[in-house]
């Protein structure tokens, strides 16, 4: 199995994040996650780890707004030059993190100051930007694009070991540890070669992917996740959100309650697979979040490693050329085993 991975992610290592209640904590989405996955993959006989190709900006610009990409590229340098929100040269913050977000009534206002723009282009406090964030995000997207190219070229499956993850990044915003939507970028590139479906199995709803394709019929998007009425991202991922305009009927959410176990998760997956079969795509993209695991610190599901292995088997059973894109998963002790469990169905 082709596995695409870049060491560039290591330079994206924010020193902290702000959790609910204003608690300052180490970032859950850290480089160690990739070390755990790599260690597990290297113990298999089937993982062929390779660096990604550089696809340039064109496939990324096909998904993300130019002004947003310019913000990501320049945010840290602008932040340091402008002195952050303090307005003074003595300001020495190690990261870009907004303090003010636009209210709905004035959400189309885009300030010229970096402090204002950071709020405009960010949906939460969970996507801090450091000096190398943009380059790490570009290489993460290239991992997904390299995997897409592999399945178009005849591989039955490819795994994009992406960091930073991507499914919370919308067309013109970052959030939830995500800056560029790797799965969406790969799916749009794949759409030149036939119909594409995205199945998001991360614990948290893929609001960014939903945003990007919500009014489009080119990609079927399905997300199985924790009910946003009580879990992040809170404002998207509800069952009544089915697409709009040309995209009406091409999006489906499966919000699930706390403590969803293997049996109930697999029931939702079965319904999702039925929709994918009916759509009959040429290629399938999986946003693979391992935070559905019962021991994940950011999740409240009770899905086991055996359950994750069964998820992989049922997805593989569709017989589609499949790109698996790494998203979340924060129990580092179990992360590698869970990723290998998901992928092993494709390796047999």
Protein backbone atom coordinates (compact mmCIF):
# COMPACT_ATOMS: atom_id res chain seq x y z
CA UNK A 1 0.00 0.00 0.00
CA UNK A 2 1.32 3.41 -0.96
CA UNK A 3 1.60 5.69 2.08
CA UNK A 4 2.41 9.35 1.44
CA UNK A 5 4.05 11.28 4.27
CA UNK A 6 6.12 14.44 4.67
CA UNK A 7 8.40 15.42 7.54
CA UNK A 8 7.41 19.07 6.94
CA UNK A 9 4.64 18.70 9.53
CA UNK A 10 7.15 18.74 12.40
CA UNK A 11 7.76 22.48 12.04
CA UNK A 12 4.04 23.07 12.69
CA UNK A 13 4.16 22.61 16.43
CA UNK A 14 2.16 25.29 18.30
CA UNK A 15 3.26 25.53 21.94
CA UNK A 16 -0.26 25.54 23.37
CA UNK A 17 -3.98 25.75 22.66
CA UNK A 18 -6.87 27.30 24.57
CA UNK A 19 -9.41 24.72 25.68
CA UNK A 20 -13.00 25.19 26.87
CA UNK A 21 -13.12 27.44 29.92
CA UNK A 22 -9.99 29.32 28.86
CA UNK A 23 -7.62 26.57 29.98
CA UNK A 24 -4.16 26.77 28.36
CA UNK A 25 -2.99 23.24 27.52
CA UNK A 26 -0.47 21.43 25.29
CA UNK A 27 -1.87 20.93 21.79
CA UNK A 28 -3.53 17.54 21.31
CA UNK A 29 -2.78 17.68 17.56
CA UNK A 30 0.98 17.26 17.92
CA UNK A 31 3.86 15.73 15.90
CA UNK A 32 3.94 12.67 18.18
CA UNK A 33 0.71 11.50 16.54
CA UNK A 34 2.55 10.86 13.29
CA UNK A 35 5.40 9.08 15.08
CA UNK A 36 2.93 6.62 16.56
CA UNK A 37 1.29 5.94 13.20
CA UNK A 38 4.62 5.61 11.39
CA UNK A 39 5.92 3.16 14.00
CA UNK A 40 2.84 0.96 13.56
CA UNK A 41 2.96 1.13 9.76
CA UNK A 42 6.65 0.17 9.70
CA UNK A 43 5.83 -3.03 11.55
CA UNK A 44 3.58 -4.17 8.70
CA UNK A 45 4.75 -5.89 5.52
CA UNK A 46 2.47 -3.86 3.25
CA UNK A 47 3.10 -0.17 3.95
CA UNK A 48 5.33 1.53 1.35
CA UNK A 49 6.10 4.98 2.78
CA UNK A 50 7.08 7.64 0.25
CA UNK A 51 7.31 11.45 0.12
CA UNK A 52 4.60 13.34 -1.78
CA UNK A 53 4.92 15.06 -5.13
CA UNK A 54 4.58 18.84 -5.34
CA UNK A 55 1.37 19.65 -7.22
CA UNK A 56 1.73 23.41 -6.93
CA UNK A 57 -1.07 25.74 -5.91
CA UNK A 58 -3.55 25.10 -8.71
CA UNK A 59 -5.42 22.17 -7.10
CA UNK A 60 -5.45 24.00 -3.76
CA UNK A 61 -6.81 27.18 -5.34
CA UNK A 62 -9.56 25.03 -6.88
CA UNK A 63 -10.88 24.56 -3.32
CA UNK A 64 -9.73 27.51 -1.21
CA UNK A 65 -10.20 31.25 -1.81
CA UNK A 66 -7.12 33.17 -2.95
CA UNK A 67 -7.43 35.78 -0.21
CA UNK A 68 -7.57 33.04 2.42
CA UNK A 69 -4.46 31.36 1.01
CA UNK A 70 -2.65 34.69 1.07
CA UNK A 71 -3.67 35.11 4.70
CA UNK A 72 -2.31 31.68 5.64
CA UNK A 73 0.96 32.28 3.84
CA UNK A 74 1.62 35.69 5.38
CA UNK A 75 -0.23 35.59 8.70
CA UNK A 76 2.69 34.86 11.00
CA UNK A 77 5.04 37.42 9.43
CA UNK A 78 2.27 40.04 9.42
CA UNK A 79 1.41 39.23 13.04
CA UNK A 80 4.98 39.76 14.17
CA UNK A 81 5.38 42.92 12.10
CA UNK A 82 2.15 44.46 13.37
CA UNK A 83 2.87 43.53 16.97
CA UNK A 84 -0.18 41.30 17.26
CA UNK A 85 -3.13 42.80 19.06
CA UNK A 86 -0.94 44.74 21.45
CA UNK A 87 -0.07 47.13 18.63
CA UNK A 88 3.51 47.39 19.86
CA UNK A 89 6.86 46.00 18.69
CA UNK A 90 7.43 44.49 22.11
CA UNK A 91 4.68 41.96 21.39
CA UNK A 92 6.31 38.54 21.13
CA UNK A 93 3.52 35.97 20.79
CA UNK A 94 4.73 32.57 19.52
CA UNK A 95 1.60 32.10 17.41
CA UNK A 96 -1.28 33.79 15.61
CA UNK A 97 -4.48 33.36 17.59
CA UNK A 98 -7.46 35.71 17.20
CA UNK A 99 -9.33 37.26 20.10
CA UNK A 100 -12.30 38.68 18.16
CA UNK A 101 -14.68 36.95 15.77
CA UNK A 102 -17.30 38.54 13.46
CA UNK A 103 -20.92 38.54 14.64
CA UNK A 104 -23.36 37.18 12.06
CA UNK A 105 -24.75 40.60 11.16
CA UNK A 106 -21.32 41.89 10.10
CA UNK A 107 -19.68 38.62 9.08
CA UNK A 108 -18.82 39.95 5.59
CA UNK A 109 -16.59 42.72 6.97
CA UNK A 110 -12.89 41.98 6.42
CA UNK A 111 -10.57 44.31 8.37
CA UNK A 112 -7.15 45.21 7.01
CA UNK A 113 -5.34 44.64 10.31
CA UNK A 114 -3.93 41.17 10.90
CA UNK A 115 -5.70 40.98 14.26
CA UNK A 116 -9.00 41.56 12.46
CA UNK A 117 -8.23 39.25 9.56
CA UNK A 118 -7.23 36.45 11.91
CA UNK A 119 -10.73 36.55 13.38
CA UNK A 120 -12.31 36.77 9.91
CA UNK A 121 -10.49 33.70 8.58
CA UNK A 122 -10.68 31.55 11.74
CA UNK A 123 -13.70 29.86 13.29
CA UNK A 124 -12.26 29.00 16.73
CA UNK A 125 -9.16 29.03 18.95
CA UNK A 126 -8.02 25.59 17.79
CA UNK A 127 -6.07 26.56 14.67
CA UNK A 128 -3.08 28.60 15.89
CA UNK A 129 -0.60 29.62 13.21
CA UNK A 130 3.17 29.46 13.71
CA UNK A 131 5.96 30.33 11.28
CA UNK A 132 5.85 27.05 9.33
CA UNK A 133 2.13 26.29 9.46
CA UNK A 134 1.48 27.25 5.84
CA UNK A 135 4.31 25.11 4.44
CA UNK A 136 3.27 22.16 6.60
CA UNK A 137 -0.32 22.51 5.37
CA UNK A 138 0.83 22.65 1.74
CA UNK A 139 2.81 19.43 2.12
CA UNK A 140 -0.11 17.79 3.89
CA UNK A 141 -2.32 18.65 0.91
CA UNK A 142 0.35 17.26 -1.41
CA UNK A 143 0.22 13.96 0.48
CA UNK A 144 -3.51 13.74 -0.28
CA UNK A 145 -2.99 14.72 -3.91
CA UNK A 146 -0.22 12.13 -4.28
CA UNK A 147 -2.58 9.50 -2.92
CA UNK A 148 -5.26 10.62 -5.35
CA UNK A 149 -2.83 10.28 -8.24
CA UNK A 150 -1.90 6.80 -7.05
CA UNK A 151 -5.46 5.46 -7.17
CA UNK A 152 -6.07 7.07 -10.56
CA UNK A 153 -2.91 5.32 -11.74
CA UNK A 154 -4.22 1.91 -10.72
CA UNK A 155 -3.59 1.47 -7.00
CA UNK A 156 -6.60 -0.06 -5.23
CA UNK A 157 -5.95 2.05 -2.14
CA UNK A 158 -3.55 4.75 -0.95
CA UNK A 159 -3.07 6.30 2.47
CA UNK A 160 -2.26 9.99 2.89
CA UNK A 161 -0.70 10.41 6.34
CA UNK A 162 -1.65 14.06 6.59
CA UNK A 163 -0.69 16.50 9.29
CA UNK A 164 -2.11 19.06 9.82
CA UNK A 165 -5.49 17.42 9.23
CA UNK A 166 -8.04 19.14 7.03
CA UNK A 167 -11.75 18.40 7.30
CA UNK A 168 -12.65 21.42 9.48
CA UNK A 169 -11.07 23.87 7.00
CA UNK A 170 -13.68 25.59 4.85
CA UNK A 171 -13.29 27.42 1.59
CA UNK A 172 -11.99 30.53 3.35
CA UNK A 173 -11.42 29.63 6.99
CA UNK A 174 -9.37 27.47 9.31
CA UNK A 175 -10.40 25.83 12.56
CA UNK A 176 -10.24 22.63 14.57
CA UNK A 177 -6.51 22.08 13.89
CA UNK A 178 -7.20 22.33 10.12
CA UNK A 179 -5.89 24.85 7.57
CA UNK A 180 -6.24 23.27 4.11
CA UNK A 181 -8.93 20.68 3.44
CA UNK A 182 -6.82 17.76 2.25
CA UNK A 183 -9.72 15.43 1.47
CA UNK A 184 -11.64 18.11 -0.43
CA UNK A 185 -8.55 19.10 -2.43
CA UNK A 186 -7.96 15.47 -3.39
CA UNK A 187 -11.64 14.91 -4.20
CA UNK A 188 -11.86 17.91 -6.49
CA UNK A 189 -8.70 16.77 -8.28
CA UNK A 190 -10.16 13.27 -8.60
CA UNK A 191 -13.43 14.64 -10.00
CA UNK A 192 -11.62 15.18 -13.30
CA UNK A 193 -11.55 11.38 -13.55
CA UNK A 194 -15.17 10.58 -12.70
CA UNK A 195 -17.62 10.89 -9.84
CA UNK A 196 -16.22 11.08 -6.31
CA UNK A 197 -17.69 10.40 -2.87
CA UNK A 198 -16.21 11.54 0.45
CA UNK A 199 -17.04 9.53 3.56
CA UNK A 200 -15.95 11.26 6.77
CA UNK A 201 -15.66 8.91 9.75
CA UNK A 202 -13.99 11.35 12.16
CA UNK A 203 -15.66 11.81 15.54
CA UNK A 204 -16.20 15.51 14.82
CA UNK A 205 -18.39 16.57 11.91
CA UNK A 206 -16.56 17.57 8.74
CA UNK A 207 -17.95 21.09 8.60
CA UNK A 208 -15.23 22.32 6.26
CA UNK A 209 -15.90 19.62 3.68
CA UNK A 210 -19.62 20.31 3.99
CA UNK A 211 -18.99 24.02 3.41
CA UNK A 212 -16.88 23.44 0.30
CA UNK A 213 -19.26 21.09 -1.53
CA UNK A 214 -22.63 22.10 -0.02
CA UNK A 215 -23.95 23.72 -3.22
CA UNK A 216 -22.23 21.34 -5.63
CA UNK A 217 -23.27 18.04 -7.17
CA UNK A 218 -19.74 17.10 -8.23
CA UNK A 219 -18.91 15.25 -4.99
CA UNK A 220 -21.20 13.26 -2.70
CA UNK A 221 -20.27 14.12 0.89
CA UNK A 222 -21.30 11.99 3.87
CA UNK A 223 -20.25 12.51 7.48
CA UNK A 224 -20.81 10.17 10.44
CA UNK A 225 -20.04 12.03 13.65
CA UNK A 226 -21.01 13.13 17.13
CA UNK A 227 -24.23 15.13 17.26
CA UNK A 228 -23.20 18.81 16.98
CA UNK A 229 -25.97 19.78 19.36
CA UNK A 230 -23.53 18.78 22.12
CA UNK A 231 -20.18 18.40 20.36
CA UNK A 232 -17.79 20.41 18.16
CA UNK A 233 -18.23 21.95 15.58
CA UNK A 234 -21.67 22.80 17.09
CA UNK A 235 -22.97 24.89 14.17
CA UNK A 236 -22.86 22.36 11.31
CA UNK A 237 -23.40 18.64 10.92
CA UNK A 238 -27.12 18.37 11.69
CA UNK A 239 -29.32 15.73 10.07
CA UNK A 240 -31.44 18.27 8.19
CA UNK A 241 -28.45 19.68 6.27
CA UNK A 242 -28.70 17.97 2.88
CA UNK A 243 -27.03 20.43 0.51
CA UNK A 244 -28.44 23.44 -1.31
CA UNK A 245 -28.97 24.58 -4.88
CA UNK A 246 -27.27 22.20 -7.29
CA UNK A 247 -25.94 20.29 -4.28
CA UNK A 248 -29.34 19.50 -2.76
CA UNK A 249 -29.37 15.80 -1.94
CA UNK A 250 -25.61 15.42 -2.33
CA UNK A 251 -24.76 15.84 1.34
CA UNK A 252 -25.78 13.67 4.27
CA UNK A 253 -24.99 13.90 7.98
CA UNK A 254 -25.34 11.06 10.47
CA UNK A 255 -25.16 12.73 13.92
CA UNK A 256 -24.81 10.11 16.65
CA UNK A 257 -25.30 10.25 20.44
CA UNK A 258 -22.67 9.93 23.17
CA UNK A 259 -21.39 6.40 23.84
CA UNK A 260 -22.20 5.16 20.35
CA UNK A 261 -20.70 1.66 20.25
CA UNK A 262 -19.52 -0.62 17.46
CA UNK A 263 -22.99 -1.96 16.69
CA UNK A 264 -24.70 1.40 16.39
CA UNK A 265 -21.81 2.99 14.52
CA UNK A 266 -21.82 0.16 11.99
CA UNK A 267 -25.56 0.62 11.49
CA UNK A 268 -24.98 4.23 10.44
CA UNK A 269 -22.05 3.15 8.28
CA UNK A 270 -24.27 0.61 6.53
CA UNK A 271 -26.74 3.32 5.59
CA UNK A 272 -23.90 5.56 4.38
CA UNK A 273 -22.48 2.74 2.26
CA UNK A 274 -25.91 2.25 0.70
CA UNK A 275 -25.94 5.90 -0.36
CA UNK A 276 -22.45 5.63 -1.81
CA UNK A 277 -23.36 2.51 -3.78
CA UNK A 278 -26.40 4.29 -5.21
CA UNK A 279 -24.24 7.27 -6.22
CA UNK A 280 -21.80 4.83 -7.91
CA UNK A 281 -18.61 6.92 -7.74
CA UNK A 282 -15.45 6.15 -9.65
CA UNK A 283 -13.34 6.97 -6.58
CA UNK A 284 -13.88 7.13 -2.82
CA UNK A 285 -12.13 9.42 -0.34
CA UNK A 286 -12.21 8.56 3.37
CA UNK A 287 -11.62 11.27 5.97
CA UNK A 288 -10.25 8.90 8.58
CA UNK A 289 -10.45 10.21 12.13
CA UNK A 290 -9.48 7.76 14.85
CA UNK A 291 -11.06 9.90 17.58
CA UNK A 292 -14.12 7.65 17.34
CA UNK A 293 -12.08 5.26 19.50
CA UNK A 294 -13.49 4.68 22.98
CA UNK A 295 -10.36 5.96 24.74
CA UNK A 296 -9.90 9.19 22.81
CA UNK A 297 -9.49 12.27 25.04
CA UNK A 298 -11.50 14.43 22.62
CA UNK A 299 -14.27 11.93 21.94
CA UNK A 300 -17.21 10.32 23.71
CA UNK A 301 -17.87 7.30 21.48
CA UNK A 302 -17.32 3.69 22.55
CA UNK A 303 -15.99 2.32 19.26
CA UNK A 304 -13.28 -0.32 19.78
CA UNK A 305 -10.20 -1.21 17.76
CA UNK A 306 -12.10 -4.26 16.50
CA UNK A 307 -14.91 -1.93 15.48
CA UNK A 308 -12.48 0.26 13.55
CA UNK A 309 -11.12 -2.84 11.82
CA UNK A 310 -14.68 -3.79 10.84
CA UNK A 311 -15.28 -0.26 9.51
CA UNK A 312 -12.29 -0.76 7.23
CA UNK A 313 -13.57 -4.13 6.05
CA UNK A 314 -17.00 -2.76 5.18
CA UNK A 315 -15.55 0.21 3.31
CA UNK A 316 -13.18 -2.09 1.42
CA UNK A 317 -16.17 -4.28 0.57
CA UNK A 318 -17.48 -1.58 -1.76
CA UNK A 319 -14.64 -2.44 -4.11
CA UNK A 320 -13.88 1.18 -5.00
CA UNK A 321 -10.46 2.74 -5.62
CA UNK A 322 -10.04 4.41 -2.23
CA UNK A 323 -7.93 7.23 -0.85
CA UNK A 324 -7.72 7.22 2.95
CA UNK A 325 -6.80 10.63 4.38
CA UNK A 326 -5.65 11.01 7.98
CA UNK A 327 -7.75 13.36 10.10
CA UNK A 328 -8.08 13.26 13.90
CA UNK A 329 -7.27 10.76 16.64
CA UNK A 330 -5.60 11.84 19.89
CA UNK A 331 -5.13 8.72 22.00
CA UNK A 332 -1.48 8.31 21.08
CA UNK A 333 -1.15 4.95 22.80
CA UNK A 334 -3.77 3.39 20.50
CA UNK A 335 -3.50 5.60 17.41
CA UNK A 336 -1.05 3.48 15.43
CA UNK A 337 -2.92 0.24 16.11
CA UNK A 338 -6.22 1.83 15.12
CA UNK A 339 -4.87 3.23 11.84
CA UNK A 340 -3.34 -0.12 10.93
CA UNK A 341 -6.59 -1.82 11.88
CA UNK A 342 -8.57 0.38 9.51
CA UNK A 343 -6.10 -0.05 6.65
CA UNK A 344 -5.46 -3.77 7.09
CA UNK A 345 -8.69 -4.69 5.29
CA UNK A 346 -7.25 -3.15 2.12
CA UNK A 347 -3.90 -4.87 2.57
CA UNK A 348 -5.24 -8.43 2.75
